[in-house]
Amino acid sequence: MAFMPFLTAGDPDLPTMCRLIRERAARGVDLIEIGFPYSDPIADGPVIQASYTRALGHKLHVDDIFAAIQSLTSSIGNRQSAIGNPPLPPLVAMVSYALIFRRGAAEFAAKARDAGFAGLIVPDLPADEATDLVAIARQHGLDLIQLIAPTTTADRTRRILDSATGFLYCISVAGTTGERVQLPDALKSQLRSLRQQTTLPLAVGFGVSRPEQVAELRGLADGVIVGSAIVRQVAAISERNQPVDAVVKSVGDFAASMLAETRL
């Protein structure tokens, strides 16, 4: 399975974000999801919401995120450097449609592509209304990754599958992001059903935070997305004044433990 960790852009700052990306690349993660801070997210739980608030408190701007990512991808790229930096995995932006709409979808997609993003996840844009953005993303070489919830009807599932590219983001529970003790039994039957309907990779997010949960999904999912469990560790820099070096290593160690489970 693929391991796809999440991080919040600009939390605690953009240079540390870039360090966290490099650390995860060094650990061999398969994809990194980068959340664009927004004041009113609809899908994020309290841990990620708090990280967005911290980032926005520093007057973070969308263009700042693009510039930092572009600087990072330009310096490292998808190749080994002479000093041993590992190649970057694909980067995917988790972004509210309000941020895209305000900039203009075509301009946002162009800037995302130029910065080095491979795809977009837009949690508050229903698949029924995503036709234009699907076309624009395709024109700019970006995947538009769609979300499927436990409450998604069969008819809506078919419409989502018609427009989704890259992979399918399978929400494990009805609700917001956050760490959970166990994954619902209904998730397994949903994944089996989706497997019969699409050739897209299935990645499970919302609630995955432990290696044993990865084991539960083996043979059913193609990837796991982990957010809150990592964002909580990064919060220690701002909330408990823990040294950046120690937190970066801790996040890397956690990524390594989750990655090892996906390789069994």
C-alpha atoms as a PDB file:
ATOM      1  CA  MET A   1       0.000   0.000   0.000  1.00  0.00           C
ATOM      2  CA  ALA A   2       0.993   3.616  -0.487  1.00  0.00           C
ATOM      3  CA  PHE A   3       1.593   5.773   2.587  1.00  0.00           C
ATOM      4  CA  MET A   4       0.370   9.367   2.163  1.00  0.00           C
ATOM      5  CA  PRO A   5       1.047  11.713   5.106  1.00  0.00           C
ATOM      6  CA  PHE A   6      -0.601  15.128   5.453  1.00  0.00           C
ATOM      7  CA  LEU A   7       0.885  18.401   6.639  1.00  0.00           C
ATOM      8  CA  THR A   8      -0.462  21.910   7.030  1.00  0.00           C
ATOM      9  CA  ALA A   9       1.256  24.538   4.914  1.00  0.00           C
ATOM     10  CA  GLY A  10       2.875  27.197   7.089  1.00  0.00           C
ATOM     11  CA  ASP A  11       2.532  25.400  10.434  1.00  0.00           C
ATOM     12  CA  PRO A  12       4.566  26.415  12.316  1.00  0.00           C
ATOM     13  CA  ASP A  13       6.192  28.263   9.384  1.00  0.00           C
ATOM     14  CA  LEU A  14       7.097  27.657   5.746  1.00  0.00           C
ATOM     15  CA  PRO A  15      10.787  26.772   6.295  1.00  0.00           C
ATOM     16  CA  THR A  16       9.780  24.077   8.804  1.00  0.00           C
ATOM     17  CA  MET A  17       7.133  22.833   6.385  1.00  0.00           C
ATOM     18  CA  CYS A  18       9.859  22.355   3.790  1.00  0.00           C
ATOM     19  CA  ARG A  19      11.999  20.498   6.320  1.00  0.00           C
ATOM     20  CA  LEU A  20       9.090  18.197   7.110  1.00  0.00           C
ATOM     21  CA  ILE A  21       8.574  17.504   3.409  1.00  0.00           C
ATOM     22  CA  ARG A  22      12.259  16.679   2.948  1.00  0.00           C
ATOM     23  CA  GLU A  23      12.227  14.437   6.017  1.00  0.00           C
ATOM     24  CA  ARG A  24       9.271  12.463   4.709  1.00  0.00           C
ATOM     25  CA  ALA A  25      10.886  12.187   1.306  1.00  0.00           C
ATOM     26  CA  ALA A  26      13.973  10.787   3.010  1.00  0.00           C
ATOM     27  CA  ARG A  27      11.806   8.181   4.737  1.00  0.00           C
ATOM     28  CA  GLY A  28      10.401   7.073   1.380  1.00  0.00           C
ATOM     29  CA  VAL A  29       6.733   8.091   1.654  1.00  0.00           C
ATOM     30  CA  ASP A  30       4.710   7.691  -1.539  1.00  0.00           C
ATOM     31  CA  LEU A  31       2.790  10.979  -1.663  1.00  0.00           C
ATOM     32  CA  ILE A  32       2.459  14.069   0.527  1.00  0.00           C
ATOM     33  CA  GLU A  33      -0.825  15.900   0.986  1.00  0.00           C
ATOM     34  CA  ILE A  34      -0.449  19.596   1.799  1.00  0.00           C
ATOM     35  CA  GLY A  35      -3.355  21.430   3.399  1.00  0.00           C
ATOM     36  CA  PHE A  36      -3.922  25.046   2.423  1.00  0.00           C
ATOM     37  CA  PRO A  37      -5.055  26.864   5.574  1.00  0.00           C
ATOM     38  CA  TYR A  38      -8.590  28.208   5.409  1.00  0.00           C
ATOM     39  CA  SER A  39     -10.663  29.922   8.084  1.00  0.00           C
ATOM     40  CA  ASP A  40     -13.804  27.792   7.625  1.00  0.00           C
ATOM     41  CA  PRO A  41     -12.902  24.231   6.598  1.00  0.00           C
ATOM     42  CA  ILE A  42     -15.814  21.822   6.365  1.00  0.00           C
ATOM     43  CA  ALA A  43     -14.010  18.486   6.591  1.00  0.00           C
ATOM     44  CA  ASP A  44     -11.239  19.066   9.116  1.00  0.00           C
ATOM     45  CA  GLY A  45     -11.425  18.220  12.796  1.00  0.00           C
ATOM     46  CA  PRO A  46     -10.083  20.299  15.707  1.00  0.00           C
ATOM     47  CA  VAL A  47      -6.416  19.286  15.356  1.00  0.00           C
ATOM     48  CA  ILE A  48      -6.108  20.363  11.740  1.00  0.00           C
ATOM     49  CA  GLN A  49      -8.385  23.374  12.262  1.00  0.00           C
ATOM     50  CA  ALA A  50      -6.045  24.556  15.017  1.00  0.00           C
ATOM     51  CA  SER A  51      -3.058  24.200  12.697  1.00  0.00           C
ATOM     52  CA  TYR A  52      -4.849  26.299  10.078  1.00  0.00           C
ATOM     53  CA  THR A  53      -5.510  28.983  12.691  1.00  0.00           C
ATOM     54  CA  ARG A  54      -1.841  29.046  13.682  1.00  0.00           C
ATOM     55  CA  ALA A  55      -0.717  29.385  10.074  1.00  0.00           C
ATOM     56  CA  LEU A  56      -3.245  32.093   9.239  1.00  0.00           C
ATOM     57  CA  GLY A  57      -2.179  33.965  12.370  1.00  0.00           C
ATOM     58  CA  HIS A  58       1.167  34.526  10.651  1.00  0.00           C
ATOM     59  CA  LYS A  59      -0.610  36.229   7.712  1.00  0.00           C
ATOM     60  CA  LEU A  60       0.089  33.289   5.423  1.00  0.00           C
ATOM     61  CA  HIS A  61      -0.955  33.853   1.803  1.00  0.00           C
ATOM     62  CA  VAL A  62      -1.647  31.313  -0.930  1.00  0.00           C
ATOM     63  CA  ASP A  63       1.171  32.808  -3.005  1.00  0.00           C
ATOM     64  CA  ASP A  64       3.573  32.227  -0.096  1.00  0.00           C
ATOM     65  CA  ILE A  65       2.727  28.525  -0.178  1.00  0.00           C
ATOM     66  CA  PHE A  66       3.214  28.294  -3.926  1.00  0.00           C
ATOM     67  CA  ALA A  67       6.559  30.115  -3.692  1.00  0.00           C
ATOM     68  CA  ALA A  68       7.855  27.860  -0.911  1.00  0.00           C
ATOM     69  CA  ILE A  69       6.816  24.677  -2.708  1.00  0.00           C
ATOM     70  CA  GLN A  70       8.252  25.894  -6.008  1.00  0.00           C
ATOM     71  CA  SER A  71      11.556  26.729  -4.345  1.00  0.00           C
ATOM     72  CA  LEU A  72      11.642  23.266  -2.799  1.00  0.00           C
ATOM     73  CA  THR A  73      10.709  21.369  -5.948  1.00  0.00           C
ATOM     74  CA  SER A  74      13.142  23.415  -8.038  1.00  0.00           C
ATOM     75  CA  SER A  75      16.036  22.698  -5.689  1.00  0.00           C
ATOM     76  CA  ILE A  76      15.305  18.994  -5.254  1.00  0.00           C
ATOM     77  CA  GLY A  77      13.053  17.974  -8.111  1.00  0.00           C
ATOM     78  CA  ASN A  78      12.269  14.334  -8.787  1.00  0.00           C
ATOM     79  CA  ARG A  79      15.890  13.280  -8.824  1.00  0.00           C
ATOM     80  CA  GLN A  80      18.767  12.587  -6.475  1.00  0.00           C
ATOM     81  CA  SER A  81      20.933  15.651  -5.897  1.00  0.00           C
ATOM     82  CA  ALA A  82      24.690  15.669  -5.666  1.00  0.00           C
ATOM     83  CA  ILE A  83      24.486  16.049  -1.888  1.00  0.00           C
ATOM     84  CA  GLY A  84      22.156  13.117  -1.434  1.00  0.00           C
ATOM     85  CA  ASN A  85      18.741  14.723  -1.109  1.00  0.00           C
ATOM     86  CA  PRO A  86      16.080  12.113  -1.950  1.00  0.00           C
ATOM     87  CA  PRO A  87      13.654  12.839  -4.785  1.00  0.00           C
ATOM     88  CA  LEU A  88      10.317  14.308  -3.777  1.00  0.00           C
ATOM     89  CA  PRO A  89       7.201  12.155  -3.964  1.00  0.00           C
ATOM     90  CA  PRO A  90       4.121  13.615  -5.678  1.00  0.00           C
ATOM     91  CA  LEU A  91       2.588  16.550  -3.806  1.00  0.00           C
ATOM     92  CA  VAL A  92      -1.194  17.016  -3.658  1.00  0.00           C
ATOM     93  CA  ALA A  93      -2.950  20.162  -2.433  1.00  0.00           C
ATOM     94  CA  MET A  94      -5.949  19.850  -0.106  1.00  0.00           C
ATOM     95  CA  VAL A  95      -7.660  23.172  -0.713  1.00  0.00           C
ATOM     96  CA  SER A  96     -11.057  24.762  -0.171  1.00  0.00           C
ATOM     97  CA  TYR A  97     -12.855  25.759  -3.352  1.00  0.00           C
ATOM     98  CA  ALA A  98     -13.224  29.294  -1.987  1.00  0.00           C
ATOM     99  CA  LEU A  99      -9.469  29.790  -2.377  1.00  0.00           C
ATOM    100  CA  ILE A 100      -9.590  28.459  -5.934  1.00  0.00           C
ATOM    101  CA  PHE A 101     -12.659  30.526  -6.864  1.00  0.00           C
ATOM    102  CA  ARG A 102     -11.227  33.757  -5.531  1.00  0.00           C
ATOM    103  CA  ARG A 103      -8.068  33.364  -7.608  1.00  0.00           C
ATOM    104  CA  GLY A 104      -9.789  31.879 -10.627  1.00  0.00           C
ATOM    105  CA  ALA A 105      -9.639  28.161 -11.319  1.00  0.00           C
ATOM    106  CA  ALA A 106      -7.381  28.382 -14.367  1.00  0.00           C
ATOM    107  CA  GLU A 107      -4.875  30.658 -12.632  1.00  0.00           C
ATOM    108  CA  PHE A 108      -4.886  28.563  -9.471  1.00  0.00           C
ATOM    109  CA  ALA A 109      -4.321  25.366 -11.443  1.00  0.00           C
ATOM    110  CA  ALA A 110      -1.482  26.946 -13.408  1.00  0.00           C
ATOM    111  CA  LYS A 111       0.230  28.156 -10.241  1.00  0.00           C
ATOM    112  CA  ALA A 112      -0.220  24.767  -8.576  1.00  0.00           C
ATOM    113  CA  ARG A 113       1.304  23.018 -11.589  1.00  0.00           C
ATOM    114  CA  ASP A 114       4.206  25.470 -11.791  1.00  0.00           C
ATOM    115  CA  ALA A 115       4.898  25.086  -8.085  1.00  0.00           C
ATOM    116  CA  GLY A 116       5.185  21.329  -8.492  1.00  0.00           C
ATOM    117  CA  PHE A 117       1.843  19.937  -7.366  1.00  0.00           C
ATOM    118  CA  ALA A 118       0.548  16.787  -9.049  1.00  0.00           C
ATOM    119  CA  GLY A 119      -3.089  17.043  -8.014  1.00  0.00           C
ATOM    120  CA  LEU A 120      -5.842  18.785  -6.087  1.00  0.00           C
ATOM    121  CA  ILE A 121      -8.306  17.595  -3.448  1.00  0.00           C
ATOM    122  CA  VAL A 122     -11.224  20.011  -3.064  1.00  0.00           C
ATOM    123  CA  PRO A 123     -13.389  18.634  -0.232  1.00  0.00           C
ATOM    124  CA  ASP A 124     -16.148  21.246  -0.454  1.00  0.00           C
ATOM    125  CA  LEU A 125     -16.744  20.969  -4.208  1.00  0.00           C
ATOM    126  CA  PRO A 126     -19.457  18.378  -4.954  1.00  0.00           C
ATOM    127  CA  ALA A 127     -18.708  16.068  -7.860  1.00  0.00           C
ATOM    128  CA  ASP A 128     -21.924  17.278  -9.524  1.00  0.00           C
ATOM    129  CA  GLU A 129     -20.436  20.770  -9.743  1.00  0.00           C
ATOM    130  CA  ALA A 130     -16.834  19.806 -10.524  1.00  0.00           C
ATOM    131  CA  THR A 131     -17.102  19.471 -14.308  1.00  0.00           C
ATOM    132  CA  ASP A 132     -15.343  22.752 -15.071  1.00  0.00           C
ATOM    133  CA  LEU A 133     -12.572  22.184 -12.548  1.00  0.00           C
ATOM    134  CA  VAL A 134     -12.035  18.637 -13.809  1.00  0.00           C
ATOM    135  CA  ALA A 135     -11.422  20.018 -17.317  1.00  0.00           C
ATOM    136  CA  ILE A 136      -9.184  22.836 -16.089  1.00  0.00           C
ATOM    137  CA  ALA A 137      -7.138  20.487 -13.907  1.00  0.00           C
ATOM    138  CA  ARG A 138      -6.695  18.113 -16.832  1.00  0.00           C
ATOM    139  CA  GLN A 139      -5.536  20.963 -19.079  1.00  0.00           C
ATOM    140  CA  HIS A 140      -2.826  21.787 -16.536  1.00  0.00           C
ATOM    141  CA  GLY A 141      -1.713  18.210 -15.978  1.00  0.00           C
ATOM    142  CA  LEU A 142      -3.277  17.908 -12.529  1.00  0.00           C
ATOM    143  CA  ASP A 143      -5.398  15.129 -11.099  1.00  0.00           C
ATOM    144  CA  LEU A 144      -8.633  16.138  -9.383  1.00  0.00           C
ATOM    145  CA  ILE A 145      -9.004  13.605  -6.591  1.00  0.00           C
ATOM    146  CA  GLN A 146     -12.581  12.996  -5.487  1.00  0.00           C
ATOM    147  CA  LEU A 147     -13.862  11.972  -2.066  1.00  0.00           C
ATOM    148  CA  ILE A 148     -16.298   9.141  -1.318  1.00  0.00           C
ATOM    149  CA  ALA A 149     -18.032   9.092   2.080  1.00  0.00           C
ATOM    150  CA  PRO A 150     -19.778   6.222   3.882  1.00  0.00           C
ATOM    151  CA  THR A 151     -23.053   8.061   3.224  1.00  0.00           C
ATOM    152  CA  THR A 152     -22.487   8.502  -0.527  1.00  0.00           C
ATOM    153  CA  THR A 153     -25.365   6.955  -2.469  1.00  0.00           C
ATOM    154  CA  ALA A 154     -24.853   4.491  -5.310  1.00  0.00           C
ATOM    155  CA  ASP A 155     -25.961   7.068  -7.888  1.00  0.00           C
ATOM    156  CA  ARG A 156     -23.597   9.739  -6.577  1.00  0.00           C
ATOM    157  CA  THR A 157     -20.806   7.196  -6.389  1.00  0.00           C
ATOM    158  CA  ARG A 158     -21.162   6.509 -10.104  1.00  0.00           C
ATOM    159  CA  ARG A 159     -21.023  10.242 -10.884  1.00  0.00           C
ATOM    160  CA  ILE A 160     -17.948  10.692  -8.701  1.00  0.00           C
ATOM    161  CA  LEU A 161     -16.180   7.781 -10.354  1.00  0.00           C
ATOM    162  CA  ASP A 162     -16.897   9.285 -13.770  1.00  0.00           C
ATOM    163  CA  SER A 163     -14.913  12.434 -12.959  1.00  0.00           C
ATOM    164  CA  ALA A 164     -12.264  11.260 -10.471  1.00  0.00           C
ATOM    165  CA  THR A 165      -8.615  10.947 -11.488  1.00  0.00           C
ATOM    166  CA  GLY A 166      -5.421  10.042  -9.676  1.00  0.00           C
ATOM    167  CA  PHE A 167      -6.927   8.023  -6.854  1.00  0.00           C
ATOM    168  CA  LEU A 168     -10.165   7.846  -4.906  1.00  0.00           C
ATOM    169  CA  TYR A 169     -10.122   9.365  -1.414  1.00  0.00           C
ATOM    170  CA  CYS A 170     -12.264   7.027   0.698  1.00  0.00           C
ATOM    171  CA  ILE A 171     -13.458   8.715   3.903  1.00  0.00           C
ATOM    172  CA  SER A 172     -13.548   6.055   6.605  1.00  0.00           C
ATOM    173  CA  VAL A 173     -16.251   7.625   8.779  1.00  0.00           C
ATOM    174  CA  ALA A 174     -19.077  10.134   8.556  1.00  0.00           C
ATOM    175  CA  GLY A 175     -17.616  13.239  10.150  1.00  0.00           C
ATOM    176  CA  THR A 176     -14.428  15.264  10.181  1.00  0.00           C
ATOM    177  CA  THR A 177     -10.761  14.355  10.241  1.00  0.00           C
ATOM    178  CA  GLY A 178      -9.272  13.084  13.486  1.00  0.00           C
ATOM    179  CA  GLU A 179      -7.639  10.126  15.185  1.00  0.00           C
ATOM    180  CA  ARG A 180      -9.913   7.203  16.025  1.00  0.00           C
ATOM    181  CA  VAL A 181      -9.426   4.028  18.018  1.00  0.00           C
ATOM    182  CA  GLN A 182     -10.847   1.733  15.371  1.00  0.00           C
ATOM    183  CA  LEU A 183     -12.108   1.815  11.829  1.00  0.00           C
ATOM    184  CA  PRO A 184     -15.783   1.012  11.159  1.00  0.00           C
ATOM    185  CA  ASP A 185     -16.671  -2.450   9.870  1.00  0.00           C
ATOM    186  CA  ALA A 186     -18.791  -0.905   7.103  1.00  0.00           C
ATOM    187  CA  LEU A 187     -15.637   0.556   5.549  1.00  0.00           C
ATOM    188  CA  LYS A 188     -14.451  -2.872   4.435  1.00  0.00           C
ATOM    189  CA  SER A 189     -17.635  -3.678   2.566  1.00  0.00           C
ATOM    190  CA  GLN A 190     -17.573  -0.240   0.953  1.00  0.00           C
ATOM    191  CA  LEU A 191     -14.012  -0.792  -0.271  1.00  0.00           C
ATOM    192  CA  ARG A 192     -14.949  -4.181  -1.710  1.00  0.00           C
ATOM    193  CA  SER A 193     -17.847  -2.578  -3.558  1.00  0.00           C
ATOM    194  CA  LEU A 194     -15.706   0.246  -4.923  1.00  0.00           C
ATOM    195  CA  ARG A 195     -13.080  -2.244  -6.066  1.00  0.00           C
ATOM    196  CA  GLN A 196     -15.712  -3.764  -8.344  1.00  0.00           C
ATOM    197  CA  GLN A 197     -16.606  -0.377  -9.834  1.00  0.00           C
ATOM    198  CA  THR A 198     -13.298   1.328 -10.587  1.00  0.00           C
ATOM    199  CA  THR A 199      -9.662   0.693 -11.434  1.00  0.00           C
ATOM    200  CA  LEU A 200      -8.601   3.852  -9.575  1.00  0.00           C
ATOM    201  CA  PRO A 201      -6.423   3.231  -6.503  1.00  0.00           C
ATOM    202  CA  LEU A 202      -8.417   3.415  -3.254  1.00  0.00           C
ATOM    203  CA  ALA A 203      -6.846   5.447  -0.446  1.00  0.00           C
ATOM    204  CA  VAL A 204      -8.419   5.594   3.012  1.00  0.00           C
ATOM    205  CA  GLY A 205      -8.286   8.705   5.179  1.00  0.00           C
ATOM    206  CA  PHE A 206     -10.059  10.287   8.189  1.00  0.00           C
ATOM    207  CA  GLY A 207      -9.251   8.334  11.327  1.00  0.00           C
ATOM    208  CA  VAL A 208      -6.203   6.316  10.286  1.00  0.00           C
ATOM    209  CA  SER A 209      -3.467   6.908  12.843  1.00  0.00           C
ATOM    210  CA  ARG A 210      -1.960   3.557  13.892  1.00  0.00           C
ATOM    211  CA  PRO A 211       0.043   0.809  12.212  1.00  0.00           C
ATOM    212  CA  GLU A 212      -2.527  -1.804  13.266  1.00  0.00           C
ATOM    213  CA  GLN A 213      -5.210   0.111  11.348  1.00  0.00           C
ATOM    214  CA  VAL A 214      -3.054  -0.137   8.237  1.00  0.00           C
ATOM    215  CA  ALA A 215      -2.982  -3.892   8.770  1.00  0.00           C
ATOM    216  CA  GLU A 216      -6.800  -3.963   8.833  1.00  0.00           C
ATOM    217  CA  LEU A 217      -6.882  -2.411   5.374  1.00  0.00           C
ATOM    218  CA  ARG A 218      -4.341  -4.687   3.740  1.00  0.00           C
ATOM    219  CA  GLY A 219      -5.825  -6.317   0.664  1.00  0.00           C
ATOM    220  CA  LEU A 220      -8.707  -3.829   0.597  1.00  0.00           C
ATOM    221  CA  ALA A 221      -7.099  -0.408   0.115  1.00  0.00           C
ATOM    222  CA  ASP A 222      -4.225   0.723  -2.078  1.00  0.00           C
ATOM    223  CA  GLY A 223      -3.138   3.482   0.257  1.00  0.00           C
ATOM    224  CA  VAL A 224      -3.652   5.216   3.599  1.00  0.00           C
ATOM    225  CA  ILE A 225      -3.732   8.941   4.363  1.00  0.00           C
ATOM    226  CA  VAL A 226      -2.696  10.085   7.839  1.00  0.00           C
ATOM    227  CA  GLY A 227      -3.232  13.660   8.959  1.00  0.00           C
ATOM    228  CA  SER A 228      -4.256  14.524  12.517  1.00  0.00           C
ATOM    229  CA  ALA A 229      -1.809  12.138  14.177  1.00  0.00           C
ATOM    230  CA  ILE A 230       1.055  13.935  12.422  1.00  0.00           C
ATOM    231  CA  VAL A 231      -0.292  17.472  12.731  1.00  0.00           C
ATOM    232  CA  ARG A 232      -0.620  16.885  16.488  1.00  0.00           C
ATOM    233  CA  GLN A 233       3.109  16.129  16.679  1.00  0.00           C
ATOM    234  CA  VAL A 234       3.997  19.247  14.690  1.00  0.00           C
ATOM    235  CA  ALA A 235       1.842  21.348  17.036  1.00  0.00           C
ATOM    236  CA  ALA A 236       4.352  20.656  19.814  1.00  0.00           C
ATOM    237  CA  ILE A 237       6.685  23.218  18.205  1.00  0.00           C
ATOM    238  CA  SER A 238       4.192  26.035  18.704  1.00  0.00           C
ATOM    239  CA  GLU A 239       2.243  24.832  21.722  1.00  0.00           C
ATOM    240  CA  ARG A 240       5.010  23.326  23.881  1.00  0.00           C
ATOM    241  CA  ASN A 241       8.114  25.007  22.458  1.00  0.00           C
ATOM    242  CA  GLN A 242       9.688  21.694  21.555  1.00  0.00           C
ATOM    243  CA  PRO A 243      12.824  21.938  19.386  1.00  0.00           C
ATOM    244  CA  VAL A 244      12.168  21.806  15.654  1.00  0.00           C
ATOM    245  CA  ASP A 245      14.888  19.211  15.099  1.00  0.00           C
ATOM    246  CA  ALA A 246      13.325  16.839  17.629  1.00  0.00           C
ATOM    247  CA  VAL A 247       9.830  17.209  16.172  1.00  0.00           C
ATOM    248  CA  VAL A 248      11.019  16.746  12.594  1.00  0.00           C
ATOM    249  CA  LYS A 249      12.751  13.521  13.622  1.00  0.00           C
ATOM    250  CA  SER A 250       9.691  12.357  15.571  1.00  0.00           C
ATOM    251  CA  VAL A 251       7.466  12.931  12.539  1.00  0.00           C
ATOM    252  CA  GLY A 252       9.984  11.061  10.397  1.00  0.00           C
ATOM    253  CA  ASP A 253      10.061   8.133  12.813  1.00  0.00           C
ATOM    254  CA  PHE A 254       6.280   7.942  12.838  1.00  0.00           C
ATOM    255  CA  ALA A 255       6.206   8.027   9.045  1.00  0.00           C
ATOM    256  CA  ALA A 256       8.745   5.218   8.961  1.00  0.00           C
ATOM    257  CA  SER A 257       6.631   3.057  11.284  1.00  0.00           C
ATOM    258  CA  MET A 258       3.519   3.556   9.185  1.00  0.00           C
ATOM    259  CA  LEU A 259       5.429   3.059   5.957  1.00  0.00           C
ATOM    260  CA  ALA A 260       6.867  -0.221   7.212  1.00  0.00           C
ATOM    261  CA  GLU A 261       3.343  -1.534   7.842  1.00  0.00           C
ATOM    262  CA  THR A 262       2.262  -0.674   4.306  1.00  0.00           C
ATOM    263  CA  ARG A 263       5.140  -2.720   2.902  1.00  0.00           C
ATOM    264  CA  LEU A 264       4.250  -6.011   4.588  1.00  0.00           C
END
